Amino acid sequence: MVFFLLTNCKADDKSMKVIIFNNGTGSEVILNDDENKSVRKILLELLLKTDDMMRVYFDSSSIEEIKDAEKCIEIIFNNAENLNTGFMGEVTLNKILLPISGDFKPSEKVDIVTIIVGENDYSSGPLTASGGLKLVQELEKIVFRDQR
């Protein structure tokens, strides 16, 4: 008789992948456990802050243009997750894109974060989170730590 023991392999236990883009150059950021928890916490807070959907249409080429021309953060979850948003309630998604430069960047003057979410493909209408600039700045410190 043969017994198989299935265990949760810690090496493959990455709940999300973080990719930073800076003017067309994308690179994956390897996070330690504490950074991973911090990034997840910030994302959940940002999603809860969402209060509107932009009246602009983003197709796949628009998303690629943002990645090619701007500085942005992309988070891709290994599996689709049900997450709560302030604007749409619970949504199922597996990717989030946060532009942090260009036309859609948050600033002290315009403290509105653009959050592009999707499940497999990005949604054509990005969400906005008023008052999310400080959260994005925290996130930026973590994921762009080696770019300073």
C-alpha atoms as a PDB file:
ATOM      1  CA  MET A   1       0.000   0.000   0.000  1.00  0.00           C
ATOM      2  CA  VAL A   2       1.351   3.444  -0.944  1.00  0.00           C
ATOM      3  CA  PHE A   3       0.463   6.637   0.941  1.00  0.00           C
ATOM      4  CA  PHE A   4       0.720  10.100  -0.527  1.00  0.00           C
ATOM      5  CA  LEU A   5       1.044  13.103   1.707  1.00  0.00           C
ATOM      6  CA  LEU A   6      -0.105  16.357   0.157  1.00  0.00           C
ATOM      7  CA  THR A   7       1.347  19.412   1.814  1.00  0.00           C
ATOM      8  CA  ASN A   8       1.174  23.078   1.106  1.00  0.00           C
ATOM      9  CA  CYS A   9       4.474  23.855  -0.556  1.00  0.00           C
ATOM     10  CA  LYS A  10       5.765  27.163   0.812  1.00  0.00           C
ATOM     11  CA  ALA A  11       8.001  27.819  -2.211  1.00  0.00           C
ATOM     12  CA  ASP A  12       5.006  27.993  -4.540  1.00  0.00           C
ATOM     13  CA  ASP A  13       2.789  29.797  -2.053  1.00  0.00           C
ATOM     14  CA  LYS A  14       2.862  33.211  -3.762  1.00  0.00           C
ATOM     15  CA  SER A  15      -0.547  34.757  -3.629  1.00  0.00           C
ATOM     16  CA  MET A  16       0.321  37.557  -6.031  1.00  0.00           C
ATOM     17  CA  LYS A  17       2.915  38.811  -8.452  1.00  0.00           C
ATOM     18  CA  VAL A  18       3.931  42.476  -8.458  1.00  0.00           C
ATOM     19  CA  ILE A  19       5.279  43.994 -11.662  1.00  0.00           C
ATOM     20  CA  ILE A  20       6.496  47.563 -11.901  1.00  0.00           C
ATOM     21  CA  PHE A  21       6.601  49.427 -15.192  1.00  0.00           C
ATOM     22  CA  ASN A  22       8.702  52.479 -15.856  1.00  0.00           C
ATOM     23  CA  ASN A  23       8.433  53.868 -19.392  1.00  0.00           C
ATOM     24  CA  GLY A  24       7.985  50.481 -21.027  1.00  0.00           C
ATOM     25  CA  THR A  25      10.375  48.498 -18.883  1.00  0.00           C
ATOM     26  CA  GLY A  26       8.601  45.960 -16.714  1.00  0.00           C
ATOM     27  CA  SER A  27      10.189  43.999 -13.929  1.00  0.00           C
ATOM     28  CA  GLU A  28       8.826  41.678 -11.285  1.00  0.00           C
ATOM     29  CA  VAL A  29       9.368  42.679  -7.671  1.00  0.00           C
ATOM     30  CA  ILE A  30      10.094  39.897  -5.203  1.00  0.00           C
ATOM     31  CA  LEU A  31       8.453  40.715  -1.874  1.00  0.00           C
ATOM     32  CA  ASN A  32       9.221  39.240   1.510  1.00  0.00           C
ATOM     33  CA  ASP A  33       6.284  38.083   3.658  1.00  0.00           C
ATOM     34  CA  ASP A  34       5.928  41.408   5.515  1.00  0.00           C
ATOM     35  CA  GLU A  35       6.020  43.406   2.258  1.00  0.00           C
ATOM     36  CA  ASN A  36       3.500  41.024   0.706  1.00  0.00           C
ATOM     37  CA  LYS A  37       1.133  41.581   3.650  1.00  0.00           C
ATOM     38  CA  SER A  38       1.630  45.352   3.480  1.00  0.00           C
ATOM     39  CA  VAL A  39       0.936  45.466  -0.260  1.00  0.00           C
ATOM     40  CA  ARG A  40      -2.212  43.381   0.162  1.00  0.00           C
ATOM     41  CA  LYS A  41      -3.412  45.593   3.042  1.00  0.00           C
ATOM     42  CA  ILE A  42      -2.840  48.766   0.991  1.00  0.00           C
ATOM     43  CA  LEU A  43      -4.678  47.286  -2.015  1.00  0.00           C
ATOM     44  CA  LEU A  44      -7.659  46.301   0.124  1.00  0.00           C
ATOM     45  CA  GLU A  45      -7.796  49.805   1.636  1.00  0.00           C
ATOM     46  CA  LEU A  46      -7.578  51.403  -1.824  1.00  0.00           C
ATOM     47  CA  LEU A  47     -10.382  49.226  -3.166  1.00  0.00           C
ATOM     48  CA  LEU A  48     -12.578  50.122  -0.181  1.00  0.00           C
ATOM     49  CA  LYS A  49     -11.936  53.819  -0.891  1.00  0.00           C
ATOM     50  CA  THR A  50     -13.300  53.553  -4.451  1.00  0.00           C
ATOM     51  CA  ASP A  51     -16.151  55.993  -4.920  1.00  0.00           C
ATOM     52  CA  ASP A  52     -16.711  56.300  -8.665  1.00  0.00           C
ATOM     53  CA  MET A  53     -15.989  54.839 -12.084  1.00  0.00           C
ATOM     54  CA  MET A  54     -14.301  56.990 -14.711  1.00  0.00           C
ATOM     55  CA  ARG A  55     -16.289  57.750 -17.835  1.00  0.00           C
ATOM     56  CA  VAL A  56     -13.410  56.754 -20.076  1.00  0.00           C
ATOM     57  CA  TYR A  57     -13.024  53.603 -22.162  1.00  0.00           C
ATOM     58  CA  PHE A  58      -9.872  51.516 -21.740  1.00  0.00           C
ATOM     59  CA  ASP A  59      -9.277  48.705 -24.204  1.00  0.00           C
ATOM     60  CA  SER A  60      -6.272  46.379 -24.229  1.00  0.00           C
ATOM     61  CA  SER A  61      -4.215  48.781 -26.366  1.00  0.00           C
ATOM     62  CA  SER A  62      -4.916  51.623 -23.879  1.00  0.00           C
ATOM     63  CA  ILE A  63      -3.617  49.422 -21.074  1.00  0.00           C
ATOM     64  CA  GLU A  64      -0.480  48.594 -23.072  1.00  0.00           C
ATOM     65  CA  GLU A  65       0.059  52.309 -23.797  1.00  0.00           C
ATOM     66  CA  ILE A  66      -0.012  53.055 -20.061  1.00  0.00           C
ATOM     67  CA  LYS A  67       2.510  50.274 -19.389  1.00  0.00           C
ATOM     68  CA  ASP A  68       4.736  51.466 -22.260  1.00  0.00           C
ATOM     69  CA  ALA A  69       4.682  55.201 -21.546  1.00  0.00           C
ATOM     70  CA  GLU A  70       4.142  55.603 -17.814  1.00  0.00           C
ATOM     71  CA  LYS A  71       5.201  54.462 -14.392  1.00  0.00           C
ATOM     72  CA  CYS A  72       2.692  51.994 -12.971  1.00  0.00           C
ATOM     73  CA  ILE A  73       2.237  49.038 -10.660  1.00  0.00           C
ATOM     74  CA  GLU A  74       0.522  45.838 -11.752  1.00  0.00           C
ATOM     75  CA  ILE A  75      -0.592  43.214  -9.265  1.00  0.00           C
ATOM     76  CA  ILE A  76      -1.625  39.814 -10.585  1.00  0.00           C
ATOM     77  CA  PHE A  77      -3.186  37.350  -8.153  1.00  0.00           C
ATOM     78  CA  ASN A  78      -2.489  33.646  -8.696  1.00  0.00           C
ATOM     79  CA  ASN A  79      -6.232  32.973  -8.427  1.00  0.00           C
ATOM     80  CA  ALA A  80      -9.250  35.211  -8.913  1.00  0.00           C
ATOM     81  CA  GLU A  81     -10.359  36.685  -5.593  1.00  0.00           C
ATOM     82  CA  ASN A  82     -13.592  38.203  -4.355  1.00  0.00           C
ATOM     83  CA  LEU A  83     -12.661  41.606  -2.957  1.00  0.00           C
ATOM     84  CA  ASN A  84     -14.786  44.414  -1.575  1.00  0.00           C
ATOM     85  CA  THR A  85     -14.853  47.809  -3.211  1.00  0.00           C
ATOM     86  CA  GLY A  86     -16.506  50.930  -1.938  1.00  0.00           C
ATOM     87  CA  PHE A  87     -18.132  51.673  -5.289  1.00  0.00           C
ATOM     88  CA  MET A  88     -19.156  48.305  -6.753  1.00  0.00           C
ATOM     89  CA  GLY A  89     -19.409  46.136  -3.650  1.00  0.00           C
ATOM     90  CA  GLU A  90     -17.827  42.709  -3.970  1.00  0.00           C
ATOM     91  CA  VAL A  91     -16.025  42.050  -7.254  1.00  0.00           C
ATOM     92  CA  THR A  92     -14.090  39.082  -8.595  1.00  0.00           C
ATOM     93  CA  LEU A  93     -10.702  40.011  -9.965  1.00  0.00           C
ATOM     94  CA  ASN A  94      -7.228  38.704 -10.486  1.00  0.00           C
ATOM     95  CA  LYS A  95      -5.386  41.824 -11.608  1.00  0.00           C
ATOM     96  CA  ILE A  96      -5.004  45.463 -10.638  1.00  0.00           C
ATOM     97  CA  LEU A  97      -3.137  48.200 -12.490  1.00  0.00           C
ATOM     98  CA  LEU A  98      -2.275  51.485 -10.766  1.00  0.00           C
ATOM     99  CA  PRO A  99      -0.898  54.310 -12.954  1.00  0.00           C
ATOM    100  CA  ILE A 100       1.401  56.519 -10.889  1.00  0.00           C
ATOM    101  CA  SER A 101       2.539  58.918 -13.600  1.00  0.00           C
ATOM    102  CA  GLY A 102       0.960  60.579 -16.619  1.00  0.00           C
ATOM    103  CA  ASP A 103      -2.657  61.652 -17.032  1.00  0.00           C
ATOM    104  CA  PHE A 104      -4.031  59.212 -14.457  1.00  0.00           C
ATOM    105  CA  LYS A 105      -1.594  59.777 -11.595  1.00  0.00           C
ATOM    106  CA  PRO A 106      -2.772  60.973  -8.206  1.00  0.00           C
ATOM    107  CA  SER A 107      -1.233  64.165  -6.826  1.00  0.00           C
ATOM    108  CA  GLU A 108      -1.498  66.524  -3.866  1.00  0.00           C
ATOM    109  CA  LYS A 109      -3.737  68.761  -6.001  1.00  0.00           C
ATOM    110  CA  VAL A 110      -5.883  65.950  -7.398  1.00  0.00           C
ATOM    111  CA  ASP A 111      -5.955  63.252  -4.710  1.00  0.00           C
ATOM    112  CA  ILE A 112      -7.809  60.704  -6.832  1.00  0.00           C
ATOM    113  CA  VAL A 113      -6.265  57.312  -7.555  1.00  0.00           C
ATOM    114  CA  THR A 114      -7.124  55.512 -10.780  1.00  0.00           C
ATOM    115  CA  ILE A 115      -7.534  51.776 -10.243  1.00  0.00           C
ATOM    116  CA  ILE A 116      -7.894  49.515 -13.262  1.00  0.00           C
ATOM    117  CA  VAL A 117      -9.171  46.077 -12.260  1.00  0.00           C
ATOM    118  CA  GLY A 118     -10.029  42.920 -14.106  1.00  0.00           C
ATOM    119  CA  GLU A 119     -10.556  39.223 -14.158  1.00  0.00           C
ATOM    120  CA  ASN A 120      -8.403  37.852 -16.990  1.00  0.00           C
ATOM    121  CA  ASP A 121      -8.948  41.048 -19.043  1.00  0.00           C
ATOM    122  CA  TYR A 122      -9.015  44.530 -17.575  1.00  0.00           C
ATOM    123  CA  SER A 123     -12.382  46.233 -17.197  1.00  0.00           C
ATOM    124  CA  SER A 124     -12.980  49.018 -19.696  1.00  0.00           C
ATOM    125  CA  GLY A 125     -14.004  51.453 -16.942  1.00  0.00           C
ATOM    126  CA  PRO A 126     -11.426  52.189 -14.240  1.00  0.00           C
ATOM    127  CA  LEU A 127     -12.454  52.871 -10.660  1.00  0.00           C
ATOM    128  CA  THR A 128     -11.367  55.960  -8.741  1.00  0.00           C
ATOM    129  CA  ALA A 129     -10.508  56.307  -5.067  1.00  0.00           C
ATOM    130  CA  SER A 130     -10.663  59.820  -3.658  1.00  0.00           C
ATOM    131  CA  GLY A 131      -8.132  60.432  -0.920  1.00  0.00           C
ATOM    132  CA  GLY A 132      -5.936  57.457  -1.849  1.00  0.00           C
ATOM    133  CA  LEU A 133      -2.688  59.306  -2.600  1.00  0.00           C
ATOM    134  CA  LYS A 134      -1.011  58.444   0.729  1.00  0.00           C
ATOM    135  CA  LEU A 135      -1.788  54.749   0.188  1.00  0.00           C
ATOM    136  CA  VAL A 136      -0.273  54.827  -3.299  1.00  0.00           C
ATOM    137  CA  GLN A 137       2.815  56.575  -1.929  1.00  0.00           C
ATOM    138  CA  GLU A 138       3.197  53.806   0.697  1.00  0.00           C
ATOM    139  CA  LEU A 139       2.812  51.177  -2.018  1.00  0.00           C
ATOM    140  CA  GLU A 140       5.320  52.949  -4.242  1.00  0.00           C
ATOM    141  CA  LYS A 141       7.929  52.978  -1.423  1.00  0.00           C
ATOM    142  CA  ILE A 142       7.603  49.221  -1.061  1.00  0.00           C
ATOM    143  CA  VAL A 143       7.620  48.127  -4.702  1.00  0.00           C
ATOM    144  CA  PHE A 144      10.020  50.717  -6.166  1.00  0.00           C
ATOM    145  CA  ARG A 145      12.498  50.323  -3.259  1.00  0.00           C
ATOM    146  CA  ASP A 146      15.367  49.306  -5.565  1.00  0.00           C
ATOM    147  CA  GLN A 147      14.657  52.070  -8.093  1.00  0.00           C
ATOM    148  CA  ARG A 148      15.695  55.010  -5.893  1.00  0.00           C
END
